[in-house]
Amino acid sequence: MAQQMIWGIRAETAQEEWIYNFWNEQLGIMNQMEPCEGTCNDHFVYWWHAHVIDALADGFERSRNPRYLARIDRVIEGVKRLNGDTLLHNYYDDMEWMALALLRVYDATKLAVYKDHVMNLWESIKTAWNGHCGGGMAWKKDQLDYKNTPANAPASILAARLYQRFGDTEDFEWAVRIYRWTKENLVDPQTGFVWDGMNRLGDGKIDYDWEYTYCQGVWIGAGLELFAITGDTAYLSDAVRTAETATARFAPDPGGIMADEGEDDCGLFKGIFVRYLRDLLRIRPDLHPIRRMLFRNAEALWNRSRNERGLIGRSWQGPVEPKVQLSAQLSGLMLLEMVASLPNAAPSD
């Protein structure tokens, strides 16, 4: 059986196991932990569910099965209900992720309702830009002087994608402005490694010790979108440099298996990273070490970090935790979908 077909079957299996283990029919969302034991949704995490929609969109793109779109509609309804009957939120980065996910659903369906959601979110997101730290997008509405990569790079991706679909030059200008600010303030000029944020404590300092795959992934994604628009290879070079630096740092040989980055939100970070590495490989399929790293991690996950129920642990080398958070399950599912989506998929060796 062709390797791409094998990974497609594995991704579909993981989607079914995810629904079986996490879907909450009453709330219309995924439980945030399995086993839930009745309290796991007390603190609803909005941004995880943006990635729930993204992962369901992955399943639809791979299979074209309309049940994925029906599930997405249920999740949107559930999120709105638990979020005060709105998709707007205090955290700018959370809204960016929701807008990016819903824009993919618009791409799949061309239904105006999804575009309307995206544009409503985008109008709110644009209010994040302010003069603290010389510009940049704020992390959240009640902390406007803290600027970080998670609030800036996804906003640049979103603005660039909006320009590509709808042609508003103001969106392109937003994408470039945000990208430039991020590069000047949060990207190591020597290595391309992306720092998390600055002025978190009001002291103007950069959190040099916060090293996350998440930040590398979204920066790569922003560069790829601007390269697609402009053809300027400087953007692509930025993305490749960061990808190679980050891969060497987070998945060093021997083995090349990415480490557990922690619980809660940190459980989602690797999934975001591999999503944008996949996008890079679609443009630069010659980046064989990155491709091998993704397949090695997928093989390790499938064989060592997935139990008999299909629950996926934070560490892709195993073992699976007694309680698995939705964030970790999502990262594993995204890895499997990304590998399945690569053309002419090959074994990890």
Protein backbone atom coordinates (compact mmCIF):
# COMPACT_ATOMS: atom_id res chain seq x y z
CA MET A 1 0.00 0.00 0.00
CA ALA A 2 1.34 3.47 -0.90
CA GLN A 3 2.73 5.34 2.08
CA GLN A 4 0.49 8.36 1.49
CA MET A 5 -2.56 6.09 1.62
CA ILE A 6 -1.32 4.53 4.86
CA TRP A 7 -0.93 7.93 6.49
CA GLY A 8 -4.34 8.99 5.22
CA ILE A 9 -5.89 5.94 6.90
CA ARG A 10 -4.02 6.71 10.10
CA ALA A 11 -5.17 10.34 10.04
CA GLU A 12 -8.78 9.27 9.50
CA THR A 13 -8.50 6.75 12.32
CA ALA A 14 -7.13 9.45 14.61
CA GLN A 15 -10.01 11.77 13.68
CA GLU A 16 -12.55 9.08 14.57
CA GLU A 17 -10.79 8.28 17.84
CA TRP A 18 -10.66 11.98 18.71
CA ILE A 19 -14.39 12.38 18.20
CA TYR A 20 -15.13 9.20 20.15
CA ASN A 21 -12.99 10.25 23.10
CA PHE A 22 -13.59 14.00 23.31
CA TRP A 23 -16.86 15.03 21.66
CA ASN A 24 -19.42 16.52 24.04
CA GLU A 25 -22.78 16.28 22.32
CA GLN A 26 -24.58 18.39 24.91
CA LEU A 27 -22.18 21.35 24.74
CA GLY A 28 -21.28 21.06 21.07
CA ILE A 29 -17.54 21.23 21.78
CA MET A 30 -14.70 18.86 22.52
CA ASN A 31 -14.16 18.06 26.18
CA GLN A 32 -10.93 19.66 27.27
CA MET A 33 -9.64 16.52 28.95
CA GLU A 34 -10.21 12.79 28.76
CA PRO A 35 -11.42 11.44 31.09
CA CYS A 36 -13.45 14.58 31.77
CA GLU A 37 -15.04 13.55 35.08
CA GLY A 38 -17.57 16.38 34.91
CA THR A 39 -15.32 19.39 35.56
CA CYS A 40 -12.93 19.59 32.63
CA ASN A 41 -14.96 22.28 30.84
CA ASP A 42 -15.40 24.60 33.80
CA HIS A 43 -12.79 26.94 32.33
CA PHE A 44 -13.57 27.01 28.63
CA VAL A 45 -10.47 27.48 26.45
CA TYR A 46 -11.61 29.35 23.35
CA TRP A 47 -8.40 29.14 21.32
CA TRP A 48 -8.15 25.37 21.58
CA HIS A 49 -11.45 25.23 19.73
CA ALA A 50 -10.14 27.40 16.92
CA HIS A 51 -7.68 24.54 16.38
CA VAL A 52 -10.50 22.04 16.72
CA ILE A 53 -12.04 23.73 13.68
CA ASP A 54 -8.65 23.72 11.94
CA ALA A 55 -8.21 20.00 12.55
CA LEU A 56 -11.71 19.27 11.28
CA ALA A 57 -10.92 21.36 8.20
CA ASP A 58 -7.84 19.17 7.71
CA GLY A 59 -10.08 16.13 7.71
CA PHE A 60 -12.43 17.70 5.17
CA GLU A 61 -9.59 18.73 2.85
CA ARG A 62 -8.22 15.20 2.91
CA SER A 63 -11.49 13.28 2.60
CA ARG A 64 -14.06 15.77 1.22
CA ASN A 65 -16.50 14.15 3.63
CA PRO A 66 -19.26 16.67 4.48
CA ARG A 67 -19.60 15.31 8.01
CA TYR A 68 -16.52 17.37 8.90
CA LEU A 69 -18.29 20.57 7.86
CA ALA A 70 -21.38 19.61 9.86
CA ARG A 71 -19.18 19.07 12.92
CA ILE A 72 -17.53 22.46 12.37
CA ASP A 73 -20.93 24.16 12.43
CA ARG A 74 -21.73 22.45 15.73
CA VAL A 75 -18.43 23.61 17.20
CA ILE A 76 -19.01 27.21 16.08
CA GLU A 77 -22.41 27.15 17.77
CA GLY A 78 -20.94 25.65 20.93
CA VAL A 79 -18.09 28.15 21.10
CA LYS A 80 -20.43 31.10 20.66
CA ARG A 81 -22.75 29.84 23.37
CA LEU A 82 -19.92 29.32 25.86
CA ASN A 83 -18.27 32.62 24.89
CA GLY A 84 -21.23 34.91 25.62
CA ASP A 85 -22.97 34.45 22.25
CA THR A 86 -20.07 35.96 20.30
CA LEU A 87 -16.83 34.95 18.64
CA LEU A 88 -15.11 38.14 19.83
CA HIS A 89 -12.67 37.68 22.68
CA ASN A 90 -10.32 39.50 25.05
CA TYR A 91 -7.24 37.77 23.62
CA TYR A 92 -6.21 39.01 20.20
CA ASP A 93 -4.20 35.90 19.37
CA ASP A 94 -7.19 33.69 20.16
CA MET A 95 -9.35 35.65 17.72
CA GLU A 96 -6.64 35.42 15.09
CA TRP A 97 -6.66 31.63 15.32
CA MET A 98 -10.44 31.55 15.06
CA ALA A 99 -10.37 33.83 12.01
CA LEU A 100 -7.70 31.70 10.32
CA ALA A 101 -9.70 28.54 10.93
CA LEU A 102 -12.97 30.03 9.70
CA LEU A 103 -11.28 31.45 6.62
CA ARG A 104 -10.35 27.88 5.72
CA VAL A 105 -13.98 26.87 6.13
CA TYR A 106 -14.98 29.75 3.85
CA ASP A 107 -12.44 28.51 1.30
CA ALA A 108 -14.04 25.06 1.42
CA THR A 109 -17.67 26.21 1.21
CA LYS A 110 -17.71 29.79 -0.18
CA LEU A 111 -20.57 30.49 2.22
CA ALA A 112 -20.83 34.13 3.22
CA VAL A 113 -21.56 33.35 6.87
CA TYR A 114 -17.97 32.20 7.43
CA LYS A 115 -16.52 35.23 5.68
CA ASP A 116 -18.73 37.46 7.81
CA HIS A 117 -17.36 35.83 10.97
CA VAL A 118 -13.79 36.32 9.74
CA MET A 119 -14.25 39.97 8.82
CA ASN A 120 -15.96 40.73 12.13
CA LEU A 121 -13.02 39.19 13.97
CA TRP A 122 -10.50 41.02 11.77
CA GLU A 123 -12.04 44.40 12.57
CA SER A 124 -11.57 43.68 16.26
CA ILE A 125 -8.08 42.24 15.76
CA LYS A 126 -6.85 45.41 14.05
CA THR A 127 -7.43 47.38 17.25
CA ALA A 128 -4.47 45.46 18.73
CA TRP A 129 -1.93 47.69 16.97
CA ASN A 130 -0.67 50.54 19.14
CA GLY A 131 2.43 52.60 19.86
CA HIS A 132 3.75 50.65 22.84
CA CYS A 133 7.12 49.04 22.00
CA GLY A 134 7.22 50.97 18.74
CA GLY A 135 4.17 49.25 17.28
CA GLY A 136 3.07 45.67 16.99
CA MET A 137 -0.10 43.85 17.94
CA ALA A 138 -1.00 43.60 21.62
CA TRP A 139 -1.56 40.20 23.18
CA LYS A 140 -4.91 41.06 24.76
CA LYS A 141 -7.27 43.96 25.18
CA ASP A 142 -6.53 44.53 28.86
CA GLN A 143 -2.72 44.40 28.44
CA LEU A 144 -2.01 46.58 25.44
CA ASP A 145 1.69 47.14 26.18
CA TYR A 146 2.70 43.46 25.96
CA LYS A 147 3.67 42.46 22.44
CA ASN A 148 4.43 38.88 21.48
CA THR A 149 4.92 36.63 18.47
CA PRO A 150 1.67 34.70 19.11
CA ALA A 151 -0.32 37.92 18.60
CA ASN A 152 1.71 39.23 15.66
CA ALA A 153 2.74 36.44 13.31
CA PRO A 154 -0.75 34.88 13.03
CA ALA A 155 -2.16 38.37 12.40
CA SER A 156 0.29 38.80 9.53
CA ILE A 157 -0.74 35.39 8.14
CA LEU A 158 -4.41 36.36 8.40
CA ALA A 159 -3.95 39.76 6.75
CA ALA A 160 -1.96 38.21 3.91
CA ARG A 161 -4.57 35.51 3.31
CA LEU A 162 -7.37 38.07 3.34
CA TYR A 163 -5.52 40.08 0.70
CA GLN A 164 -5.01 36.98 -1.45
CA ARG A 165 -8.72 36.15 -1.35
CA PHE A 166 -10.41 39.54 -1.45
CA GLY A 167 -7.80 41.94 -2.86
CA ASP A 168 -7.96 44.75 -0.31
CA THR A 169 -4.52 46.41 -0.47
CA GLU A 170 -4.94 47.64 3.10
CA ASP A 171 -4.80 44.02 4.27
CA PHE A 172 -1.53 43.51 2.40
CA GLU A 173 -0.14 46.63 4.08
CA TRP A 174 -1.19 45.23 7.46
CA ALA A 175 0.56 41.95 6.73
CA VAL A 176 3.83 43.68 5.82
CA ARG A 177 3.68 46.15 8.71
CA ILE A 178 3.15 43.42 11.28
CA TYR A 179 5.82 41.21 9.71
CA ARG A 180 8.41 43.97 9.74
CA TRP A 181 7.73 44.88 13.35
CA THR A 182 8.03 41.23 14.40
CA LYS A 183 11.28 40.75 12.49
CA GLU A 184 12.81 43.89 13.94
CA ASN A 185 11.85 43.10 17.52
CA LEU A 186 11.39 39.36 18.07
CA VAL A 187 13.57 37.50 15.55
CA ASP A 188 17.23 36.83 16.26
CA PRO A 189 19.06 38.50 13.33
CA GLN A 190 21.88 35.96 13.53
CA THR A 191 19.95 32.70 13.57
CA GLY A 192 16.31 33.43 12.71
CA PHE A 193 15.18 31.95 16.03
CA VAL A 194 11.94 33.61 17.15
CA TRP A 195 11.53 34.88 20.69
CA ASP A 196 8.15 34.79 22.38
CA GLY A 197 7.51 38.39 23.46
CA MET A 198 8.60 41.66 24.97
CA ASN A 199 7.52 43.95 27.81
CA ARG A 200 5.47 41.24 29.50
CA LEU A 201 6.34 42.69 32.93
CA GLY A 202 6.35 46.31 31.79
CA ASP A 203 10.15 46.47 31.80
CA GLY A 204 10.72 46.43 28.04
CA LYS A 205 12.65 43.17 28.22
CA ILE A 206 12.43 40.31 25.75
CA ASP A 207 11.70 36.84 27.15
CA TYR A 208 14.83 35.27 25.70
CA ASP A 209 14.40 32.16 27.84
CA TRP A 210 10.93 31.35 26.46
CA GLU A 211 11.69 28.97 23.59
CA TYR A 212 8.63 27.51 21.94
CA THR A 213 7.95 25.67 18.69
CA TYR A 214 4.74 27.73 18.36
CA CYS A 215 6.62 30.97 17.71
CA GLN A 216 8.82 29.41 15.06
CA GLY A 217 5.83 27.94 13.24
CA VAL A 218 3.78 31.10 12.94
CA TRP A 219 6.78 33.15 11.82
CA ILE A 220 7.47 30.60 9.09
CA GLY A 221 3.82 30.83 8.07
CA ALA A 222 3.89 34.62 7.82
CA GLY A 223 6.96 34.53 5.58
CA LEU A 224 5.38 31.95 3.30
CA GLU A 225 2.22 34.02 2.84
CA LEU A 226 4.15 37.16 1.93
CA PHE A 227 6.36 35.18 -0.44
CA ALA A 228 3.23 33.86 -2.14
CA ILE A 229 1.97 37.41 -2.66
CA THR A 230 5.17 39.18 -3.64
CA GLY A 231 7.50 36.52 -5.01
CA ASP A 232 10.21 38.15 -2.91
CA THR A 233 12.59 35.34 -1.97
CA ALA A 234 13.72 37.23 1.14
CA TYR A 235 10.48 36.13 2.81
CA LEU A 236 11.08 32.52 1.81
CA SER A 237 14.68 32.74 3.02
CA ASP A 238 13.44 34.00 6.39
CA ALA A 239 11.08 31.02 6.65
CA VAL A 240 13.73 28.47 5.66
CA ARG A 241 16.32 29.88 8.06
CA THR A 242 13.92 29.79 10.99
CA ALA A 243 12.73 26.29 10.08
CA GLU A 244 16.26 24.92 9.91
CA THR A 245 17.32 26.65 13.14
CA ALA A 246 14.20 25.52 14.98
CA THR A 247 14.38 21.95 13.73
CA ALA A 248 17.98 21.68 14.89
CA ARG A 249 17.06 23.09 18.29
CA PHE A 250 13.79 21.27 18.98
CA ALA A 251 14.44 17.97 17.21
CA PRO A 252 18.19 17.33 17.42
CA ASP A 253 19.71 14.06 16.33
CA PRO A 254 19.78 11.23 17.16
CA GLY A 255 16.13 10.49 16.65
CA GLY A 256 14.89 13.96 15.83
CA ILE A 257 11.82 13.57 18.07
CA MET A 258 10.44 16.80 19.50
CA ALA A 259 10.20 16.98 23.27
CA ASP A 260 7.14 17.47 25.45
CA GLU A 261 6.79 21.26 25.87
CA GLY A 262 4.42 21.08 28.83
CA GLU A 263 0.77 20.90 29.72
CA ASP A 264 -2.22 23.17 29.03
CA ASP A 265 -1.62 25.61 26.14
CA CYS A 266 1.91 24.27 25.63
CA GLY A 267 0.45 20.98 24.50
CA LEU A 268 -0.74 22.65 21.29
CA PHE A 269 2.55 24.23 20.28
CA LYS A 270 4.09 21.35 18.34
CA GLY A 271 0.95 20.93 16.27
CA ILE A 272 1.14 24.55 15.17
CA PHE A 273 4.84 24.15 14.35
CA VAL A 274 4.33 21.10 12.15
CA ARG A 275 1.43 22.76 10.32
CA TYR A 276 3.67 25.50 9.00
CA LEU A 277 6.59 23.16 8.37
CA ARG A 278 4.20 21.22 6.12
CA ASP A 279 3.35 24.46 4.30
CA LEU A 280 7.06 25.14 3.83
CA LEU A 281 7.64 21.66 2.42
CA ARG A 282 4.93 22.22 -0.16
CA ILE A 283 7.02 25.09 -1.51
CA ARG A 284 10.46 23.63 -0.79
CA PRO A 285 10.13 19.82 -1.05
CA ASP A 286 13.92 19.64 -1.25
CA LEU A 287 14.23 20.32 2.49
CA HIS A 288 14.71 16.62 3.18
CA PRO A 289 15.92 16.88 6.82
CA ILE A 290 12.71 18.68 7.80
CA ARG A 291 10.62 16.14 5.92
CA ARG A 292 12.42 13.25 7.62
CA MET A 293 11.91 14.88 11.00
CA LEU A 294 8.14 15.10 10.47
CA PHE A 295 7.88 11.46 9.44
CA ARG A 296 10.07 10.28 12.31
CA ASN A 297 7.85 12.14 14.75
CA ALA A 298 4.70 10.72 13.15
CA GLU A 299 6.06 7.18 13.31
CA ALA A 300 7.06 7.67 16.95
CA LEU A 301 3.63 9.07 17.82
CA TRP A 302 1.77 6.25 16.09
CA ASN A 303 3.86 3.52 17.68
CA ARG A 304 4.73 4.92 21.11
CA SER A 305 2.41 7.80 22.06
CA ARG A 306 -1.03 6.46 21.25
CA ASN A 307 -2.80 4.04 23.55
CA GLU A 308 -5.39 1.38 22.83
CA ARG A 309 -8.19 3.98 22.92
CA GLY A 310 -6.41 6.30 20.51
CA LEU A 311 -5.47 8.88 23.14
CA ILE A 312 -2.26 10.73 22.28
CA GLY A 313 0.27 11.89 24.85
CA ARG A 314 2.20 15.14 25.07
CA SER A 315 5.48 13.34 24.42
CA TRP A 316 5.52 11.69 21.01
CA GLN A 317 7.87 9.09 22.44
CA GLY A 318 5.28 8.07 25.05
CA PRO A 319 3.94 7.11 27.42
CA VAL A 320 0.40 8.49 27.34
CA GLU A 321 -0.65 10.40 30.46
CA PRO A 322 -3.51 9.04 32.62
CA LYS A 323 -5.44 12.20 31.72
CA VAL A 324 -4.97 13.55 28.21
CA GLN A 325 -5.67 17.19 27.49
CA LEU A 326 -7.39 18.27 24.29
CA SER A 327 -4.38 20.43 23.44
CA ALA A 328 -2.07 17.40 23.32
CA GLN A 329 -4.57 15.33 21.34
CA LEU A 330 -4.87 18.15 18.82
CA SER A 331 -1.12 18.40 18.31
CA GLY A 332 -0.85 14.71 17.60
CA LEU A 333 -3.82 14.74 15.25
CA MET A 334 -2.40 17.72 13.38
CA LEU A 335 0.93 15.94 12.93
CA LEU A 336 -0.81 12.93 11.40
CA GLU A 337 -2.90 15.11 9.09
CA MET A 338 0.13 17.12 8.00
CA VAL A 339 2.13 14.01 7.14
CA ALA A 340 -0.88 12.54 5.29
CA SER A 341 -1.18 15.73 3.24
CA LEU A 342 2.38 15.69 1.93
CA PRO A 343 2.58 14.47 -1.68
CA ASN A 344 4.39 11.23 -2.36
CA ALA A 345 4.66 10.53 1.34
CA ALA A 346 7.62 8.35 2.21
CA PRO A 347 8.75 6.35 5.23
CA SER A 348 10.58 8.28 7.92
CA ASP A 349 13.93 6.66 7.14
